[in-house]
Amino acid sequence: MNKDQTQGRWDRVSAKIKQTWGDLTDDEVKKAEGNKDELIARIREKYGDSKETIAEKLNQLMED
């Protein structure tokens, strides 16, 4: 996978993340780009869900 393909995949996943967790800002998602643990932490701060629940949902979004 080249850089453009990787960026395109991230853009698609990023859009799904923002749809799923609508309170996340573009900046919050962008800051966490490529760092799943940081993204999970940001989602936990806003929503209070468990790390496992968020990780499972993220994995589903990435597979789709």
C-alpha atoms as a PDB file:
ATOM      1  CA  MET A   1       0.000   0.000   0.000  1.00  0.00           C
ATOM      2  CA  ASN A   2       1.470   3.362  -0.963  1.00  0.00           C
ATOM      3  CA  LYS A   3       1.218   6.631   0.947  1.00  0.00           C
ATOM      4  CA  ASP A   4      -1.817   7.872  -1.003  1.00  0.00           C
ATOM      5  CA  GLN A   5      -3.690   4.631  -0.404  1.00  0.00           C
ATOM      6  CA  THR A   6      -2.859   4.744   3.290  1.00  0.00           C
ATOM      7  CA  GLN A   7      -4.022   8.358   3.544  1.00  0.00           C
ATOM      8  CA  GLY A   8      -7.227   7.528   1.673  1.00  0.00           C
ATOM      9  CA  ARG A   9      -7.948   4.650   4.039  1.00  0.00           C
ATOM     10  CA  TRP A  10      -7.311   6.876   7.069  1.00  0.00           C
ATOM     11  CA  ASP A  11      -9.613   9.574   5.639  1.00  0.00           C
ATOM     12  CA  ARG A  12     -12.382   7.009   5.254  1.00  0.00           C
ATOM     13  CA  VAL A  13     -11.889   5.624   8.769  1.00  0.00           C
ATOM     14  CA  SER A  14     -11.644   9.151  10.172  1.00  0.00           C
ATOM     15  CA  ALA A  15     -15.018  10.026   8.671  1.00  0.00           C
ATOM     16  CA  LYS A  16     -16.555   6.889  10.194  1.00  0.00           C
ATOM     17  CA  ILE A  17     -15.034   7.759  13.578  1.00  0.00           C
ATOM     18  CA  LYS A  18     -16.555  11.236  13.473  1.00  0.00           C
ATOM     19  CA  GLN A  19     -19.940   9.769  12.483  1.00  0.00           C
ATOM     20  CA  THR A  20     -19.828   7.255  15.325  1.00  0.00           C
ATOM     21  CA  TRP A  21     -18.518   9.647  17.968  1.00  0.00           C
ATOM     22  CA  GLY A  22     -19.986  12.943  16.780  1.00  0.00           C
ATOM     23  CA  ASP A  23     -18.647  15.007  19.690  1.00  0.00           C
ATOM     24  CA  LEU A  24     -15.058  14.481  18.548  1.00  0.00           C
ATOM     25  CA  THR A  25     -13.662  17.447  16.672  1.00  0.00           C
ATOM     26  CA  ASP A  26     -11.662  17.222  13.474  1.00  0.00           C
ATOM     27  CA  ASP A  27      -8.631  18.451  15.419  1.00  0.00           C
ATOM     28  CA  GLU A  28      -8.955  15.715  18.040  1.00  0.00           C
ATOM     29  CA  VAL A  29      -9.131  13.003  15.404  1.00  0.00           C
ATOM     30  CA  LYS A  30      -6.272  14.546  13.433  1.00  0.00           C
ATOM     31  CA  LYS A  31      -4.028  14.797  16.526  1.00  0.00           C
ATOM     32  CA  ALA A  32      -4.578  11.100  17.188  1.00  0.00           C
ATOM     33  CA  GLU A  33      -3.908  10.106  13.578  1.00  0.00           C
ATOM     34  CA  GLY A  34      -2.008   6.849  13.506  1.00  0.00           C
ATOM     35  CA  ASN A  35      -2.073   6.473  17.297  1.00  0.00           C
ATOM     36  CA  LYS A  36      -4.914   4.196  18.278  1.00  0.00           C
ATOM     37  CA  ASP A  37      -4.237   4.494  22.021  1.00  0.00           C
ATOM     38  CA  GLU A  38      -4.446   8.280  21.900  1.00  0.00           C
ATOM     39  CA  LEU A  39      -7.666   8.128  19.900  1.00  0.00           C
ATOM     40  CA  ILE A  40      -9.161   5.709  22.420  1.00  0.00           C
ATOM     41  CA  ALA A  41      -8.141   8.040  25.266  1.00  0.00           C
ATOM     42  CA  ARG A  42      -9.801  11.020  23.567  1.00  0.00           C
ATOM     43  CA  ILE A  43     -13.000   9.053  23.005  1.00  0.00           C
ATOM     44  CA  ARG A  44     -12.978   7.860  26.641  1.00  0.00           C
ATOM     45  CA  GLU A  45     -12.655  11.460  27.845  1.00  0.00           C
ATOM     46  CA  LYS A  46     -15.752  12.506  25.896  1.00  0.00           C
ATOM     47  CA  TYR A  47     -17.934   9.425  26.226  1.00  0.00           C
ATOM     48  CA  GLY A  48     -16.745   7.454  29.260  1.00  0.00           C
ATOM     49  CA  ASP A  49     -16.888   4.112  27.453  1.00  0.00           C
ATOM     50  CA  SER A  50     -14.436   1.374  28.380  1.00  0.00           C
ATOM     51  CA  LYS A  51     -11.186   1.012  26.481  1.00  0.00           C
ATOM     52  CA  GLU A  52     -12.215  -2.452  25.322  1.00  0.00           C
ATOM     53  CA  THR A  53     -15.587  -1.272  23.992  1.00  0.00           C
ATOM     54  CA  ILE A  54     -13.992   1.581  22.057  1.00  0.00           C
ATOM     55  CA  ALA A  55     -11.198  -0.623  20.690  1.00  0.00           C
ATOM     56  CA  GLU A  56     -13.741  -3.186  19.494  1.00  0.00           C
ATOM     57  CA  LYS A  57     -15.817  -0.518  17.728  1.00  0.00           C
ATOM     58  CA  LEU A  58     -12.684   1.007  16.149  1.00  0.00           C
ATOM     59  CA  ASN A  59     -11.654  -2.414  14.848  1.00  0.00           C
ATOM     60  CA  GLN A  60     -15.104  -2.859  13.291  1.00  0.00           C
ATOM     61  CA  LEU A  61     -14.874   0.557  11.617  1.00  0.00           C
ATOM     62  CA  MET A  62     -11.428  -0.227  10.227  1.00  0.00           C
ATOM     63  CA  GLU A  63     -12.575  -3.572   8.821  1.00  0.00           C
ATOM     64  CA  ASP A  64     -15.602  -2.140   7.004  1.00  0.00           C
END
